[in-house]
N, C-alpha and C. Protein backbone atom coordinates (compact mmCIF):
# COMPACT_ATOMS: atom_id res chain seq x y z
N UNK A 1 93.85 46.25 255.01
CA UNK A 1 95.24 46.18 255.75
C UNK A 1 95.02 46.80 257.02
N UNK A 2 95.61 46.49 257.99
CA UNK A 2 95.61 47.00 259.43
C UNK A 2 96.78 48.03 259.49
N UNK A 3 96.47 49.22 259.87
CA UNK A 3 97.38 50.35 259.86
C UNK A 3 98.38 50.16 261.00
N UNK A 4 97.86 49.52 262.17
CA UNK A 4 98.77 49.37 263.27
C UNK A 4 99.71 47.95 262.89
N UNK A 5 99.40 47.18 262.14
CA UNK A 5 100.30 46.01 261.68
C UNK A 5 101.30 46.55 260.89
N UNK A 6 101.07 47.38 259.88
CA UNK A 6 101.90 48.03 259.08
C UNK A 6 102.87 48.86 259.80
N UNK A 7 102.41 49.65 260.75
CA UNK A 7 103.41 50.35 261.49
C UNK A 7 104.37 49.55 262.38
N UNK A 8 103.68 48.50 262.77
CA UNK A 8 104.86 47.70 263.67
C UNK A 8 105.73 47.04 262.96
N UNK A 9 105.42 46.62 261.64
CA UNK A 9 106.30 46.07 260.61
C UNK A 9 107.43 47.06 260.45
N UNK A 10 106.98 48.36 259.98
CA UNK A 10 107.97 49.37 259.63
C UNK A 10 108.83 49.75 260.76
N UNK A 11 108.54 49.78 261.91
CA UNK A 11 108.93 49.97 263.15
C UNK A 11 110.03 49.04 263.35
N UNK A 12 109.73 47.70 263.18
CA UNK A 12 110.62 46.50 263.35
C UNK A 12 111.71 46.54 262.28
N UNK A 13 111.41 46.85 261.03
CA UNK A 13 112.42 46.92 260.05
C UNK A 13 113.35 48.04 260.32
N UNK A 14 112.78 49.21 260.65
CA UNK A 14 113.75 50.06 260.93
C UNK A 14 114.64 50.12 262.09
N UNK A 15 114.09 49.42 263.21
CA UNK A 15 114.84 49.08 264.39
C UNK A 15 115.96 48.26 264.16
N UNK A 16 115.69 47.12 263.24
CA UNK A 16 116.78 46.19 262.96
C UNK A 16 117.84 46.87 262.15
N UNK A 17 117.42 47.66 261.24
CA UNK A 17 118.46 48.05 260.32
C UNK A 17 119.23 49.11 260.76
N UNK A 18 118.56 50.02 261.91
CA UNK A 18 119.47 51.08 262.50
C UNK A 18 119.91 50.77 263.71
N UNK A 19 119.64 49.47 264.34
CA UNK A 19 120.24 48.95 265.56
C UNK A 19 119.57 49.98 266.74
N UNK A 20 118.45 50.21 266.64
CA UNK A 20 117.89 51.19 267.54
C UNK A 20 116.60 50.17 268.35
N UNK A 21 116.12 50.67 269.36
CA UNK A 21 115.19 50.01 269.98
C UNK A 21 113.95 50.30 269.60
N UNK A 22 113.05 49.48 269.04
CA UNK A 22 111.67 49.63 268.44
C UNK A 22 110.73 50.67 269.32
N UNK A 23 110.95 50.38 270.58
CA UNK A 23 109.98 51.30 271.31
C UNK A 23 110.11 52.80 271.27
N UNK A 24 111.33 53.18 270.89
CA UNK A 24 111.60 54.57 270.48
C UNK A 24 111.24 55.17 269.19
N UNK A 25 110.69 54.26 268.49
CA UNK A 25 110.26 54.65 267.06
C UNK A 25 108.75 54.90 267.22
N UNK A 26 108.38 56.18 266.74
CA UNK A 26 106.85 56.22 266.79
C UNK A 26 106.41 56.73 265.30
N UNK A 27 105.29 57.04 265.06
CA UNK A 27 104.60 57.38 263.91
C UNK A 27 105.06 58.78 263.68
N UNK A 28 105.43 59.47 264.59
CA UNK A 28 105.97 60.93 264.59
C UNK A 28 107.24 61.09 264.34
N UNK A 29 108.22 60.10 264.70
CA UNK A 29 109.45 60.15 264.27
C UNK A 29 109.98 60.31 262.82
N UNK A 30 110.86 61.43 262.97
CA UNK A 30 111.30 62.00 261.60
C UNK A 30 112.51 61.02 261.26
N UNK A 31 112.30 60.43 259.90
CA UNK A 31 113.48 59.64 259.42
C UNK A 31 114.56 60.16 259.56
N UNK A 32 115.00 61.35 258.99
CA UNK A 32 116.33 61.99 258.83
C UNK A 32 116.68 62.51 260.24
N UNK A 33 115.83 63.37 260.88
CA UNK A 33 116.27 64.04 261.99
C UNK A 33 116.47 63.37 263.31
N UNK A 34 115.38 62.49 263.45
CA UNK A 34 115.38 61.63 264.66
C UNK A 34 116.07 60.51 264.49
N UNK A 35 115.57 59.62 263.42
CA UNK A 35 116.26 58.25 263.40
C UNK A 35 117.65 58.21 262.61
N UNK A 36 117.97 59.39 262.02
CA UNK A 36 119.22 59.33 261.24
C UNK A 36 119.28 58.50 260.09
N UNK A 37 118.23 58.21 259.45
CA UNK A 37 118.02 57.44 258.15
C UNK A 37 118.64 58.26 257.20
N UNK A 38 119.79 57.57 256.41
CA UNK A 38 120.33 58.38 255.40
C UNK A 38 119.60 57.84 253.83
N UNK A 39 119.98 58.11 252.74
CA UNK A 39 119.40 57.85 251.40
C UNK A 39 119.55 56.35 251.14
N UNK A 40 120.67 55.86 251.65
CA UNK A 40 120.92 54.19 251.45
C UNK A 40 119.91 53.50 252.31
N UNK A 41 119.87 53.90 253.62
CA UNK A 41 118.73 53.38 254.44
C UNK A 41 117.42 53.26 253.94
N UNK A 42 116.98 54.52 253.27
CA UNK A 42 115.72 54.67 252.77
C UNK A 42 115.46 53.79 251.67
N UNK A 43 116.55 53.64 250.84
CA UNK A 43 116.41 52.66 249.71
C UNK A 43 116.24 51.17 250.13
N UNK A 44 116.91 50.93 251.19
CA UNK A 44 116.75 49.47 251.87
C UNK A 44 115.44 49.51 252.28
N UNK A 45 115.12 50.33 253.13
CA UNK A 45 113.62 50.24 253.58
C UNK A 45 112.49 50.04 252.39
N UNK A 46 112.66 50.98 251.47
CA UNK A 46 111.86 50.68 250.28
C UNK A 46 111.69 49.40 249.61
N UNK A 47 112.97 48.81 249.49
CA UNK A 47 113.05 47.49 248.96
C UNK A 47 112.46 46.36 249.65
N UNK A 48 112.82 46.48 251.14
CA UNK A 48 112.05 45.59 252.03
C UNK A 48 110.61 45.61 252.12
N UNK A 49 110.07 46.72 252.00
CA UNK A 49 108.55 46.92 251.92
C UNK A 49 108.00 46.49 250.77
N UNK A 50 108.61 46.67 249.53
CA UNK A 50 108.36 46.16 248.36
C UNK A 50 108.21 44.81 248.57
N UNK A 51 109.19 44.07 248.98
CA UNK A 51 109.07 42.72 249.13
C UNK A 51 107.91 42.13 250.06
N UNK A 52 108.15 42.70 251.20
CA UNK A 52 107.05 42.53 252.22
C UNK A 52 105.48 42.43 251.71
N UNK A 53 105.07 43.55 251.05
CA UNK A 53 103.71 43.89 250.74
C UNK A 53 103.40 43.63 249.34
N UNK A 54 104.53 43.27 248.35
CA UNK A 54 104.43 43.04 247.06
C UNK A 54 103.78 44.30 246.37
N UNK A 55 104.48 45.49 246.68
CA UNK A 55 104.04 46.73 246.17
C UNK A 55 105.24 47.42 245.44
N UNK A 56 104.98 48.44 244.80
CA UNK A 56 106.09 49.21 244.06
C UNK A 56 106.23 50.68 244.82
N UNK A 57 107.31 50.93 245.01
CA UNK A 57 107.69 52.32 245.71
C UNK A 57 108.73 53.11 244.84
N UNK A 58 108.16 53.90 244.05
CA UNK A 58 108.96 54.66 243.17
C UNK A 58 109.94 55.78 243.79
N UNK A 59 111.03 55.91 243.05
CA UNK A 59 112.03 56.87 243.59
C UNK A 59 111.49 58.09 243.91
N UNK A 60 110.45 58.78 243.37
CA UNK A 60 109.99 59.93 243.65
C UNK A 60 109.13 59.88 244.92
N UNK A 61 108.61 58.72 245.22
CA UNK A 61 107.76 58.66 246.24
C UNK A 61 108.52 58.78 247.66
N UNK A 62 109.76 58.44 247.58
CA UNK A 62 110.78 58.61 248.85
C UNK A 62 110.99 60.08 249.03
N UNK A 63 110.74 61.06 248.24
CA UNK A 63 111.14 62.33 248.42
C UNK A 63 110.02 62.87 249.39
N UNK A 64 108.79 62.45 249.27
CA UNK A 64 107.65 62.83 250.04
C UNK A 64 107.49 62.28 251.41
N UNK A 65 108.38 61.53 251.79
CA UNK A 65 108.48 60.76 253.21
C UNK A 65 109.35 61.35 254.14
N UNK A 66 108.83 61.83 255.17
CA UNK A 66 109.41 62.56 256.23
C UNK A 66 109.48 61.92 257.63
N UNK A 67 108.25 61.23 257.82
CA UNK A 67 108.09 60.40 259.21
C UNK A 67 107.90 59.06 258.86
N UNK A 68 107.88 58.17 260.02
CA UNK A 68 107.47 56.90 260.03
C UNK A 68 106.09 56.77 259.62
N UNK A 69 105.28 57.71 259.99
CA UNK A 69 103.88 57.65 259.70
C UNK A 69 103.58 57.74 258.14
N UNK A 70 104.31 58.73 257.53
CA UNK A 70 104.23 58.75 255.99
C UNK A 70 104.56 57.50 255.32
N UNK A 71 105.62 56.76 255.77
CA UNK A 71 106.05 55.37 255.40
C UNK A 71 104.70 54.46 255.32
N UNK A 72 104.05 54.47 256.63
CA UNK A 72 102.93 53.76 256.86
C UNK A 72 101.77 54.17 255.80
N UNK A 73 101.60 55.27 255.69
CA UNK A 73 100.53 55.80 254.78
C UNK A 73 100.83 55.36 253.37
N UNK A 74 102.13 55.51 253.02
CA UNK A 74 102.60 55.12 251.62
C UNK A 74 102.26 53.60 251.30
N UNK A 75 102.51 52.85 252.33
CA UNK A 75 102.22 51.32 252.18
C UNK A 75 100.73 51.11 252.05
N UNK A 76 100.10 51.71 252.81
CA UNK A 76 98.64 51.71 252.93
C UNK A 76 98.00 52.07 251.60
N UNK A 77 98.54 53.05 251.07
CA UNK A 77 98.18 53.57 249.95
C UNK A 77 98.26 52.71 248.69
N UNK A 78 99.42 51.91 248.64
CA UNK A 78 99.80 51.17 247.81
C UNK A 78 99.22 49.78 247.51
N UNK A 79 98.90 49.20 248.74
CA UNK A 79 98.36 48.08 248.87
C UNK A 79 97.03 47.90 248.33
N UNK A 80 96.03 48.71 248.44
CA UNK A 80 94.80 48.61 247.99
C UNK A 80 94.85 48.73 246.39
N UNK A 81 95.83 49.35 245.73
CA UNK A 81 95.85 49.63 244.48
C UNK A 81 96.24 48.17 243.93
N UNK A 82 97.31 47.52 244.52
CA UNK A 82 97.57 46.06 244.14
C UNK A 82 96.44 45.16 244.51
N UNK A 83 95.68 45.19 245.44
CA UNK A 83 94.59 44.34 245.60
C UNK A 83 93.52 44.52 244.52
N UNK A 84 93.22 45.67 244.27
CA UNK A 84 92.48 46.08 243.15
C UNK A 84 92.63 45.50 241.94
N UNK A 85 94.04 45.40 241.65
CA UNK A 85 94.42 45.00 240.29
C UNK A 85 94.27 43.48 240.18
N UNK A 86 94.49 42.92 241.30
CA UNK A 86 94.45 41.29 241.32
C UNK A 86 92.95 40.74 241.09
N UNK A 87 91.99 41.58 241.36
CA UNK A 87 90.70 41.05 241.29
C UNK A 87 90.07 40.90 239.88
């Protein structure tokens, strides 16, 4: 899975949900402090990513997510597990 493609998808989802310009969202953007993502936004993001990539994001996983880069890493970590199971 291409890290840049995942980042662009996460950025697109966040920009749409938050009504912000995608160009202002970087891997280093902090969800809470910089983007003002609240717990409801985070649940929505998780559900959207689950649907998009066919992965499961547990409630405890969200507690470790601070930046957009953390979201990308979580998706990348989950996708190989799923692909490995399908074989």
